Amino acid sequence: MKRIVLFTLLVCVLGAGLAFGALKGSSDVVKIVVEPAALSSAPGQRVSFEVKLDIQKTWHIYAHGDTNFIGVDLVPADGFPLEDFQAEYPAGHEKEFFGDMVAMIEGKEVIKASALIPAGLEKGDHELVLSVTVQACDDKTCLAPAFLPVTVKLKVE
């Protein structure tokens, strides 16, 4: 009897571990690439880069500013050394999701970003750290939101 109970317990623990390992998050279905990954410019100049989103087929994310779900957002980390950060987001397209009209983004899209190098920023190498917030959904479920790291190398001349 002990063997049966022990075997049943082992099967339950292994099954729970496999199920937990199979859980997906938004970072599993949304990938990003930053271009260019390195910038070079002088103080007082504006630098620009793009964050390219690649959303797996059958999945979507929500446009920036969506009021029903978590919309895509590109946010500089604390200590971001540049000023006047601006991001231009893809508009998405209107589609019904669980009875609500929402602006969805699917496939490949681009966030365009720019910021001003302050006059007092010291010359040399700097790391620009940001994150992209996404929540991916398909036609049946939504995954946990993800904060995808973005790093851009900046050489101030």
Protein backbone atom coordinates (compact mmCIF):
# COMPACT_ATOMS: atom_id res chain seq x y z
CA MET A 1 0.00 0.00 0.00
CA LYS A 2 2.87 2.37 0.82
CA ARG A 3 4.30 1.81 -2.65
CA ILE A 4 1.01 2.71 -4.32
CA VAL A 5 0.68 5.91 -2.27
CA LEU A 6 4.33 6.82 -2.89
CA PHE A 7 4.00 6.09 -6.64
CA THR A 8 0.80 8.19 -6.86
CA LEU A 9 2.46 11.06 -5.02
CA LEU A 10 5.48 10.88 -7.33
CA VAL A 11 3.27 10.93 -10.43
CA CYS A 12 1.38 13.99 -9.10
CA VAL A 13 4.59 15.88 -8.32
CA LEU A 14 6.11 15.08 -11.72
CA GLY A 15 2.88 16.01 -13.50
CA ALA A 16 2.67 19.33 -11.66
CA GLY A 17 6.31 20.06 -12.50
CA LEU A 18 5.75 19.34 -16.19
CA ALA A 19 2.60 21.48 -16.24
CA PHE A 20 4.40 24.36 -14.52
CA GLY A 21 7.30 24.10 -16.99
CA ALA A 22 4.86 24.22 -19.89
CA LEU A 23 3.34 27.56 -18.81
CA LYS A 24 4.04 30.32 -21.28
CA GLY A 25 4.52 33.98 -20.70
CA SER A 26 4.31 36.86 -23.16
CA SER A 27 8.10 36.76 -23.59
CA ASP A 28 7.73 33.30 -25.12
CA VAL A 29 5.68 34.60 -28.05
CA VAL A 30 6.97 38.17 -28.46
CA LYS A 31 10.60 38.78 -29.45
CA ILE A 32 12.36 42.10 -29.93
CA VAL A 33 15.41 43.35 -31.80
CA VAL A 34 16.90 46.82 -31.40
CA GLU A 35 18.38 48.57 -34.45
CA PRO A 36 20.88 49.98 -34.42
CA ALA A 37 22.23 48.33 -31.28
CA ALA A 38 24.96 50.97 -31.02
CA LEU A 39 24.81 54.73 -31.56
CA SER A 40 27.41 57.46 -31.74
CA SER A 41 26.70 61.17 -31.49
CA ALA A 42 27.65 64.46 -29.82
CA PRO A 43 26.00 66.26 -26.89
CA GLY A 44 23.05 68.37 -27.99
CA GLN A 45 22.15 65.93 -30.77
CA ARG A 46 19.09 63.72 -30.96
CA VAL A 47 19.64 59.96 -31.40
CA SER A 48 17.10 57.53 -32.82
CA PHE A 49 16.64 53.77 -32.75
CA GLU A 50 13.92 51.22 -33.46
CA VAL A 51 12.56 48.37 -31.39
CA LYS A 52 11.31 45.73 -33.81
CA LEU A 53 8.54 43.52 -32.46
CA ASP A 54 8.08 39.98 -33.76
CA ILE A 55 4.83 38.45 -32.49
CA GLN A 56 4.28 34.74 -33.16
CA LYS A 57 1.48 33.75 -35.51
CA THR A 58 -1.95 33.39 -33.81
CA TRP A 59 -0.88 35.79 -31.02
CA HIS A 60 -1.39 39.54 -30.67
CA ILE A 61 -0.50 42.34 -28.26
CA TYR A 62 -2.36 45.57 -27.59
CA ALA A 63 -1.62 49.00 -28.97
CA HIS A 64 -0.08 51.63 -26.72
CA GLY A 65 -2.72 53.34 -24.63
CA ASP A 66 -5.31 50.55 -24.87
CA THR A 67 -7.79 51.03 -22.03
CA ASN A 68 -9.06 47.43 -21.85
CA PHE A 69 -5.79 45.49 -21.66
CA ILE A 70 -2.09 46.16 -21.08
CA GLY A 71 -0.87 48.08 -24.13
CA VAL A 72 2.67 47.96 -25.47
CA ASP A 73 4.94 50.48 -23.77
CA LEU A 74 8.63 51.40 -24.14
CA VAL A 75 9.95 52.88 -20.90
CA PRO A 76 13.45 54.13 -20.01
CA ALA A 77 14.92 52.64 -16.83
CA ASP A 78 15.72 54.76 -13.79
CA GLY A 79 18.93 56.69 -14.42
CA PHE A 80 18.35 56.90 -18.18
CA PRO A 81 21.00 59.49 -19.15
CA LEU A 82 19.19 61.14 -22.07
CA GLU A 83 16.46 63.78 -22.14
CA ASP A 84 13.19 64.32 -23.99
CA PHE A 85 12.60 60.61 -24.66
CA GLN A 86 9.92 60.05 -27.31
CA ALA A 87 8.37 56.86 -28.66
CA GLU A 88 6.17 56.43 -31.72
CA TYR A 89 4.06 53.27 -31.46
CA PRO A 90 2.32 51.23 -34.17
CA ALA A 91 -1.37 52.11 -34.28
CA GLY A 92 -2.65 48.56 -34.43
CA HIS A 93 -5.96 47.62 -35.98
CA GLU A 94 -9.41 47.48 -34.40
CA LYS A 95 -10.68 43.99 -33.70
CA GLU A 96 -13.17 42.41 -31.32
CA PHE A 97 -11.71 40.48 -28.39
CA PHE A 98 -14.09 38.90 -25.84
CA GLY A 99 -16.83 41.37 -26.76
CA ASP A 100 -14.67 44.51 -26.61
CA MET A 101 -13.24 46.43 -29.55
CA VAL A 102 -9.49 46.76 -29.01
CA ALA A 103 -6.50 47.95 -31.01
CA MET A 104 -4.36 44.87 -31.71
CA ILE A 105 -0.84 44.53 -33.01
CA GLU A 106 0.08 41.32 -34.83
CA GLY A 107 3.05 40.01 -36.78
CA LYS A 108 6.00 42.36 -37.19
CA GLU A 109 5.78 45.98 -36.09
CA VAL A 110 8.19 48.74 -35.05
CA ILE A 111 8.41 51.20 -32.17
CA LYS A 112 10.45 54.26 -33.19
CA ALA A 113 12.29 55.96 -30.33
CA SER A 114 14.47 59.02 -29.95
CA ALA A 115 16.06 61.08 -27.19
CA LEU A 116 18.29 64.11 -26.78
CA ILE A 117 21.87 63.79 -25.56
CA PRO A 118 22.20 66.43 -22.83
CA ALA A 119 24.91 69.04 -23.28
CA GLY A 120 26.55 68.00 -19.99
CA LEU A 121 26.70 64.24 -20.62
CA GLU A 122 30.31 63.19 -20.40
CA LYS A 123 32.06 61.82 -23.45
CA GLY A 124 32.59 58.10 -23.71
CA ASP A 125 30.51 54.96 -23.64
CA HIS A 126 27.06 54.83 -22.05
CA GLU A 127 24.42 52.14 -21.87
CA LEU A 128 20.80 53.09 -22.57
CA VAL A 129 18.54 50.70 -20.68
CA LEU A 130 14.80 50.51 -21.34
CA SER A 131 12.08 47.88 -21.28
CA VAL A 132 9.14 46.99 -23.49
CA THR A 133 5.94 45.99 -21.68
CA VAL A 134 3.76 43.53 -23.60
CA GLN A 135 0.84 41.24 -22.90
CA ALA A 136 0.23 38.59 -25.54
CA CYS A 137 -3.14 36.97 -26.16
CA ASP A 138 -4.56 34.54 -28.67
CA ASP A 139 -8.25 33.95 -29.40
CA LYS A 140 -8.72 31.95 -26.17
CA THR A 141 -6.40 33.28 -23.49
CA CYS A 142 -3.96 35.95 -22.39
CA LEU A 143 -0.47 35.27 -21.11
CA ALA A 144 1.20 36.96 -18.18
CA PRO A 145 2.63 40.37 -19.10
CA ALA A 146 6.37 40.58 -19.78
CA PHE A 147 8.94 43.32 -19.44
CA LEU A 148 11.41 42.73 -22.29
CA PRO A 149 14.81 44.34 -21.72
CA VAL A 150 16.19 46.77 -24.29
CA THR A 151 19.81 47.92 -24.29
CA VAL A 152 21.41 50.37 -26.69
CA LYS A 153 25.10 51.27 -26.58
CA LEU A 154 25.82 54.98 -26.94
CA LYS A 155 29.19 56.58 -27.61
CA VAL A 156 29.18 60.29 -26.84
CA GLU A 157 31.82 62.04 -28.94
